[in-house]
Amino acid sequence: MCTNVNEWGKQVRIALIKEDMTLKDLAELIGYSPSYIRAVVGGKLNSIENVQSKINDVLNIKEGGV
């Protein structure tokens, strides 16, 4: 099982684990559907509304690292 996850997506998943949150929790918190957030975090979809910035703010991810 090999998935191609971008570096930012890895940081998000690590931060979610540290915060004991799911992608669904994150999506509800910032007002987007879980499937949209899953696609953005997975690198399959570029966010057009600066969703990455909102995710960074919620999870305290700084540019370049957690």
PDB file of N, CA and C in Angstrom:
ATOM      1  N   MET A   1       0.841  -1.181   0.000  1.00  0.00           N
ATOM      2  CA  MET A   1       0.000   0.000   0.000  1.00  0.00           C
ATOM      3  C   MET A   1       0.883   1.240   0.000  1.00  0.00           C
ATOM      4  N   CYS A   2       0.881   1.958  -1.073  1.00  0.00           N
ATOM      5  CA  CYS A   2       1.709   3.151  -1.201  1.00  0.00           C
ATOM      6  C   CYS A   2       0.836   4.311  -1.636  1.00  0.00           C
ATOM      7  N   THR A   3       0.851   5.384  -0.863  1.00  0.00           N
ATOM      8  CA  THR A   3       0.089   6.565  -1.235  1.00  0.00           C
ATOM      9  C   THR A   3       1.041   7.712  -1.441  1.00  0.00           C
ATOM     10  N   ASN A   4       0.732   8.559  -2.389  1.00  0.00           N
ATOM     11  CA  ASN A   4       1.564   9.712  -2.691  1.00  0.00           C
ATOM     12  C   ASN A   4       0.976  10.932  -1.995  1.00  0.00           C
ATOM     13  N   VAL A   5       1.415  11.190  -0.789  1.00  0.00           N
ATOM     14  CA  VAL A   5       0.909  12.314  -0.006  1.00  0.00           C
ATOM     15  C   VAL A   5       1.965  13.404   0.007  1.00  0.00           C
ATOM     16  N   ASN A   6       1.536  14.621  -0.305  1.00  0.00           N
ATOM     17  CA  ASN A   6       2.496  15.717  -0.289  1.00  0.00           C
ATOM     18  C   ASN A   6       2.944  16.043   1.135  1.00  0.00           C
ATOM     19  N   GLU A   7       4.003  16.785   1.258  1.00  0.00           N
ATOM     20  CA  GLU A   7       4.586  17.079   2.572  1.00  0.00           C
ATOM     21  C   GLU A   7       3.611  17.832   3.475  1.00  0.00           C
ATOM     22  N   TRP A   8       2.903  18.811   2.926  1.00  0.00           N
ATOM     23  CA  TRP A   8       1.934  19.557   3.723  1.00  0.00           C
ATOM     24  C   TRP A   8       0.823  18.631   4.220  1.00  0.00           C
ATOM     25  N   GLY A   9       0.377  17.723   3.376  1.00  0.00           N
ATOM     26  CA  GLY A   9      -0.657  16.767   3.761  1.00  0.00           C
ATOM     27  C   GLY A   9      -0.202  15.891   4.916  1.00  0.00           C
ATOM     28  N   LYS A  10       1.074  15.504   4.908  1.00  0.00           N
ATOM     29  CA  LYS A  10       1.625  14.727   6.016  1.00  0.00           C
ATOM     30  C   LYS A  10       1.596  15.550   7.303  1.00  0.00           C
ATOM     31  N   GLN A  11       1.954  16.818   7.193  1.00  0.00           N
ATOM     32  CA  GLN A  11       1.949  17.696   8.368  1.00  0.00           C
ATOM     33  C   GLN A  11       0.537  17.827   8.932  1.00  0.00           C
ATOM     34  N   VAL A  12      -0.436  17.944   8.043  1.00  0.00           N
ATOM     35  CA  VAL A  12      -1.831  18.059   8.483  1.00  0.00           C
ATOM     36  C   VAL A  12      -2.246  16.800   9.222  1.00  0.00           C
ATOM     37  N   ARG A  13      -1.936  15.645   8.671  1.00  0.00           N
ATOM     38  CA  ARG A  13      -2.333  14.388   9.311  1.00  0.00           C
ATOM     39  C   ARG A  13      -1.652  14.200  10.677  1.00  0.00           C
ATOM     40  N   ILE A  14      -0.397  14.586  10.785  1.00  0.00           N
ATOM     41  CA  ILE A  14       0.307  14.522  12.069  1.00  0.00           C
ATOM     42  C   ILE A  14      -0.358  15.454  13.083  1.00  0.00           C
ATOM     43  N   ALA A  15      -0.672  16.678  12.632  1.00  0.00           N
ATOM     44  CA  ALA A  15      -1.314  17.651  13.526  1.00  0.00           C
ATOM     45  C   ALA A  15      -2.700  17.170  13.950  1.00  0.00           C
ATOM     46  N   LEU A  16      -3.433  16.532  13.045  1.00  0.00           N
ATOM     47  CA  LEU A  16      -4.751  16.000  13.400  1.00  0.00           C
ATOM     48  C   LEU A  16      -4.624  14.946  14.490  1.00  0.00           C
ATOM     49  N   ILE A  17      -3.626  14.095  14.375  1.00  0.00           N
ATOM     50  CA  ILE A  17      -3.406  13.068  15.392  1.00  0.00           C
ATOM     51  C   ILE A  17      -3.070  13.723  16.735  1.00  0.00           C
ATOM     52  N   LYS A  18      -2.186  14.720  16.701  1.00  0.00           N
ATOM     53  CA  LYS A  18      -1.806  15.409  17.947  1.00  0.00           C
ATOM     54  C   LYS A  18      -2.997  16.086  18.601  1.00  0.00           C
ATOM     55  N   GLU A  19      -3.909  16.611  17.781  1.00  0.00           N
ATOM     56  CA  GLU A  19      -5.090  17.309  18.304  1.00  0.00           C
ATOM     57  C   GLU A  19      -6.267  16.364  18.551  1.00  0.00           C
ATOM     58  N   ASP A  20      -6.058  15.066  18.271  1.00  0.00           N
ATOM     59  CA  ASP A  20      -7.110  14.061  18.417  1.00  0.00           C
ATOM     60  C   ASP A  20      -8.351  14.457  17.617  1.00  0.00           C
ATOM     61  N   MET A  21      -8.131  14.843  16.351  1.00  0.00           N
ATOM     62  CA  MET A  21      -9.198  15.263  15.448  1.00  0.00           C
ATOM     63  C   MET A  21      -9.210  14.372  14.217  1.00  0.00           C
ATOM     64  N   THR A  22     -10.353  14.318  13.574  1.00  0.00           N
ATOM     65  CA  THR A  22     -10.470  13.632  12.297  1.00  0.00           C
ATOM     66  C   THR A  22     -10.583  14.677  11.187  1.00  0.00           C
ATOM     67  N   LEU A  23     -10.449  14.231   9.945  1.00  0.00           N
ATOM     68  CA  LEU A  23     -10.657  15.146   8.819  1.00  0.00           C
ATOM     69  C   LEU A  23     -12.089  15.682   8.835  1.00  0.00           C
ATOM     70  N   LYS A  24     -13.023  14.852   9.271  1.00  0.00           N
ATOM     71  CA  LYS A  24     -14.419  15.295   9.369  1.00  0.00           C
ATOM     72  C   LYS A  24     -14.562  16.409  10.403  1.00  0.00           C
ATOM     73  N   ASP A  25     -13.906  16.261  11.551  1.00  0.00           N
ATOM     74  CA  ASP A  25     -13.927  17.311  12.575  1.00  0.00           C
ATOM     75  C   ASP A  25     -13.370  18.609  12.017  1.00  0.00           C
ATOM     76  N   LEU A  26     -12.243  18.500  11.326  1.00  0.00           N
ATOM     77  CA  LEU A  26     -11.602  19.672  10.741  1.00  0.00           C
ATOM     78  C   LEU A  26     -12.514  20.334   9.723  1.00  0.00           C
ATOM     79  N   ALA A  27     -13.121  19.540   8.862  1.00  0.00           N
ATOM     80  CA  ALA A  27     -14.016  20.070   7.835  1.00  0.00           C
ATOM     81  C   ALA A  27     -15.188  20.824   8.457  1.00  0.00           C
ATOM     82  N   GLU A  28     -15.791  20.236   9.481  1.00  0.00           N
ATOM     83  CA  GLU A  28     -16.914  20.894  10.153  1.00  0.00           C
ATOM     84  C   GLU A  28     -16.477  22.196  10.810  1.00  0.00           C
ATOM     85  N   LEU A  29     -15.293  22.204  11.373  1.00  0.00           N
ATOM     86  CA  LEU A  29     -14.784  23.382  12.063  1.00  0.00           C
ATOM     87  C   LEU A  29     -14.567  24.556  11.119  1.00  0.00           C
ATOM     88  N   ILE A  30     -14.098  24.283   9.912  1.00  0.00           N
ATOM     89  CA  ILE A  30     -13.827  25.384   8.978  1.00  0.00           C
ATOM     90  C   ILE A  30     -14.914  25.560   7.921  1.00  0.00           C
ATOM     91  N   GLY A  31     -15.954  24.721   7.970  1.00  0.00           N
ATOM     92  CA  GLY A  31     -17.122  24.941   7.128  1.00  0.00           C
ATOM     93  C   GLY A  31     -17.058  24.388   5.717  1.00  0.00           C
ATOM     94  N   TYR A  32     -16.375  23.279   5.546  1.00  0.00           N
ATOM     95  CA  TYR A  32     -16.303  22.636   4.234  1.00  0.00           C
ATOM     96  C   TYR A  32     -16.693  21.179   4.376  1.00  0.00           C
ATOM     97  N   SER A  33     -16.983  20.542   3.258  1.00  0.00           N
ATOM     98  CA  SER A  33     -17.344  19.125   3.312  1.00  0.00           C
ATOM     99  C   SER A  33     -16.105  18.274   3.579  1.00  0.00           C
ATOM    100  N   PRO A  34     -16.293  17.160   4.273  1.00  0.00           N
ATOM    101  CA  PRO A  34     -15.162  16.270   4.524  1.00  0.00           C
ATOM    102  C   PRO A  34     -14.490  15.785   3.239  1.00  0.00           C
ATOM    103  N   SER A  35     -15.278  15.530   2.193  1.00  0.00           N
ATOM    104  CA  SER A  35     -14.681  15.047   0.942  1.00  0.00           C
ATOM    105  C   SER A  35     -13.804  16.117   0.297  1.00  0.00           C
ATOM    106  N   TYR A  36     -14.206  17.382   0.395  1.00  0.00           N
ATOM    107  CA  TYR A  36     -13.402  18.473  -0.160  1.00  0.00           C
ATOM    108  C   TYR A  36     -12.087  18.601   0.622  1.00  0.00           C
ATOM    109  N   ILE A  37     -12.168  18.572   1.939  1.00  0.00           N
ATOM    110  CA  ILE A  37     -10.968  18.687   2.773  1.00  0.00           C
ATOM    111  C   ILE A  37     -10.049  17.496   2.537  1.00  0.00           C
ATOM    112  N   ARG A  38     -10.618  16.301   2.413  1.00  0.00           N
ATOM    113  CA  ARG A  38      -9.820  15.100   2.141  1.00  0.00           C
ATOM    114  C   ARG A  38      -9.056  15.250   0.818  1.00  0.00           C
ATOM    115  N   ALA A  39      -9.708  15.810  -0.204  1.00  0.00           N
ATOM    116  CA  ALA A  39      -9.067  16.003  -1.506  1.00  0.00           C
ATOM    117  C   ALA A  39      -7.964  17.051  -1.432  1.00  0.00           C
ATOM    118  N   VAL A  40      -8.190  18.120  -0.689  1.00  0.00           N
ATOM    119  CA  VAL A  40      -7.170  19.174  -0.556  1.00  0.00           C
ATOM    120  C   VAL A  40      -5.961  18.641   0.207  1.00  0.00           C
ATOM    121  N   VAL A  41      -6.208  17.988   1.337  1.00  0.00           N
ATOM    122  CA  VAL A  41      -5.115  17.448   2.155  1.00  0.00           C
ATOM    123  C   VAL A  41      -4.368  16.353   1.402  1.00  0.00           C
ATOM    124  N   GLY A  42      -5.090  15.562   0.632  1.00  0.00           N
ATOM    125  CA  GLY A  42      -4.476  14.481  -0.137  1.00  0.00           C
ATOM    126  C   GLY A  42      -3.735  14.946  -1.378  1.00  0.00           C
ATOM    127  N   GLY A  43      -3.824  16.235  -1.690  1.00  0.00           N
ATOM    128  CA  GLY A  43      -3.117  16.777  -2.843  1.00  0.00           C
ATOM    129  C   GLY A  43      -3.801  16.505  -4.169  1.00  0.00           C
ATOM    130  N   LYS A  44      -5.044  16.057  -4.126  1.00  0.00           N
ATOM    131  CA  LYS A  44      -5.770  15.748  -5.352  1.00  0.00           C
ATOM    132  C   LYS A  44      -6.523  16.954  -5.889  1.00  0.00           C
ATOM    133  N   LEU A  45      -6.618  18.005  -5.085  1.00  0.00           N
ATOM    134  CA  LEU A  45      -7.385  19.180  -5.465  1.00  0.00           C
ATOM    135  C   LEU A  45      -6.705  20.411  -4.882  1.00  0.00           C
ATOM    136  N   ASN A  46      -6.506  21.409  -5.704  1.00  0.00           N
ATOM    137  CA  ASN A  46      -5.960  22.668  -5.211  1.00  0.00           C
ATOM    138  C   ASN A  46      -7.102  23.490  -4.626  1.00  0.00           C
ATOM    139  N   SER A  47      -6.878  24.046  -3.468  1.00  0.00           N
ATOM    140  CA  SER A  47      -7.925  24.851  -2.838  1.00  0.00           C
ATOM    141  C   SER A  47      -7.980  26.203  -3.521  1.00  0.00           C
ATOM    142  N   ILE A  48      -9.189  26.648  -3.817  1.00  0.00           N
ATOM    143  CA  ILE A  48      -9.340  27.926  -4.501  1.00  0.00           C
ATOM    144  C   ILE A  48      -9.731  29.043  -3.543  1.00  0.00           C
ATOM    145  N   GLU A  49     -10.066  28.702  -2.320  1.00  0.00           N
ATOM    146  CA  GLU A  49     -10.503  29.708  -1.348  1.00  0.00           C
ATOM    147  C   GLU A  49      -9.552  29.800  -0.168  1.00  0.00           C
ATOM    148  N   ASN A  50      -8.299  29.491  -0.392  1.00  0.00           N
ATOM    149  CA  ASN A  50      -7.294  29.558   0.660  1.00  0.00           C
ATOM    150  C   ASN A  50      -7.629  28.647   1.844  1.00  0.00           C
ATOM    151  N   VAL A  51      -8.143  27.486   1.535  1.00  0.00           N
ATOM    152  CA  VAL A  51      -8.498  26.502   2.561  1.00  0.00           C
ATOM    153  C   VAL A  51      -7.258  26.055   3.319  1.00  0.00           C
ATOM    154  N   GLN A  52      -6.133  25.942   2.618  1.00  0.00           N
ATOM    155  CA  GLN A  52      -4.902  25.525   3.290  1.00  0.00           C
ATOM    156  C   GLN A  52      -4.549  26.481   4.414  1.00  0.00           C
ATOM    157  N   SER A  53      -4.733  27.751   4.196  1.00  0.00           N
ATOM    158  CA  SER A  53      -4.446  28.744   5.233  1.00  0.00           C
ATOM    159  C   SER A  53      -5.363  28.547   6.444  1.00  0.00           C
ATOM    160  N   LYS A  54      -6.635  28.270   6.202  1.00  0.00           N
ATOM    161  CA  LYS A  54      -7.572  28.023   7.308  1.00  0.00           C
ATOM    162  C   LYS A  54      -7.173  26.777   8.087  1.00  0.00           C
ATOM    163  N   ILE A  55      -6.775  25.733   7.356  1.00  0.00           N
ATOM    164  CA  ILE A  55      -6.341  24.499   8.011  1.00  0.00           C
ATOM    165  C   ILE A  55      -5.092  24.763   8.838  1.00  0.00           C
ATOM    166  N   ASN A  56      -4.131  25.507   8.267  1.00  0.00           N
ATOM    167  CA  ASN A  56      -2.908  25.853   8.995  1.00  0.00           C
ATOM    168  C   ASN A  56      -3.228  26.595  10.281  1.00  0.00           C
ATOM    169  N   ASP A  57      -4.181  27.520  10.215  1.00  0.00           N
ATOM    170  CA  ASP A  57      -4.549  28.298  11.393  1.00  0.00           C
ATOM    171  C   ASP A  57      -5.156  27.405  12.480  1.00  0.00           C
ATOM    172  N   VAL A  58      -6.076  26.527  12.096  1.00  0.00           N
ATOM    173  CA  VAL A  58      -6.745  25.660  13.064  1.00  0.00           C
ATOM    174  C   VAL A  58      -5.757  24.702  13.716  1.00  0.00           C
ATOM    175  N   LEU A  59      -4.833  24.157  12.918  1.00  0.00           N
ATOM    176  CA  LEU A  59      -3.913  23.148  13.429  1.00  0.00           C
ATOM    177  C   LEU A  59      -2.556  23.705  13.850  1.00  0.00           C
ATOM    178  N   ASN A  60      -2.411  25.020  13.812  1.00  0.00           N
ATOM    179  CA  ASN A  60      -1.156  25.689  14.177  1.00  0.00           C
ATOM    180  C   ASN A  60       0.031  25.168  13.371  1.00  0.00           C
ATOM    181  N   ILE A  61      -0.180  25.017  12.072  1.00  0.00           N
ATOM    182  CA  ILE A  61       0.896  24.602  11.176  1.00  0.00           C
ATOM    183  C   ILE A  61       1.532  25.859  10.613  1.00  0.00           C
ATOM    184  N   LYS A  62       2.823  25.957  10.764  1.00  0.00           N
ATOM    185  CA  LYS A  62       3.557  27.101  10.233  1.00  0.00           C
ATOM    186  C   LYS A  62       4.114  26.729   8.868  1.00  0.00           C
ATOM    187  N   GLU A  63       4.341  27.730   8.028  1.00  0.00           N
ATOM    188  CA  GLU A  63       4.961  27.454   6.737  1.00  0.00           C
ATOM    189  C   GLU A  63       6.261  26.723   6.951  1.00  0.00           C
ATOM    190  N   GLY A  64       6.387  25.548   6.345  1.00  0.00           N
ATOM    191  CA  GLY A  64       7.638  24.801   6.435  1.00  0.00           C
ATOM    192  C   GLY A  64       7.687  23.789   7.568  1.00  0.00           C
ATOM    193  N   GLY A  65       6.630  23.656   8.364  1.00  0.00           N
ATOM    194  CA  GLY A  65       6.688  22.637   9.417  1.00  0.00           C
ATOM    195  C   GLY A  65       5.580  22.744  10.417  1.00  0.00           C
ATOM    196  N   VAL A  66       5.419  21.676  11.190  1.00  0.00           N
ATOM    197  CA  VAL A  66       4.384  21.637  12.237  1.00  0.00           C
ATOM    198  C   VAL A  66       4.924  22.286  13.487  1.00  0.00           C
TER     199      VAL A  66
END
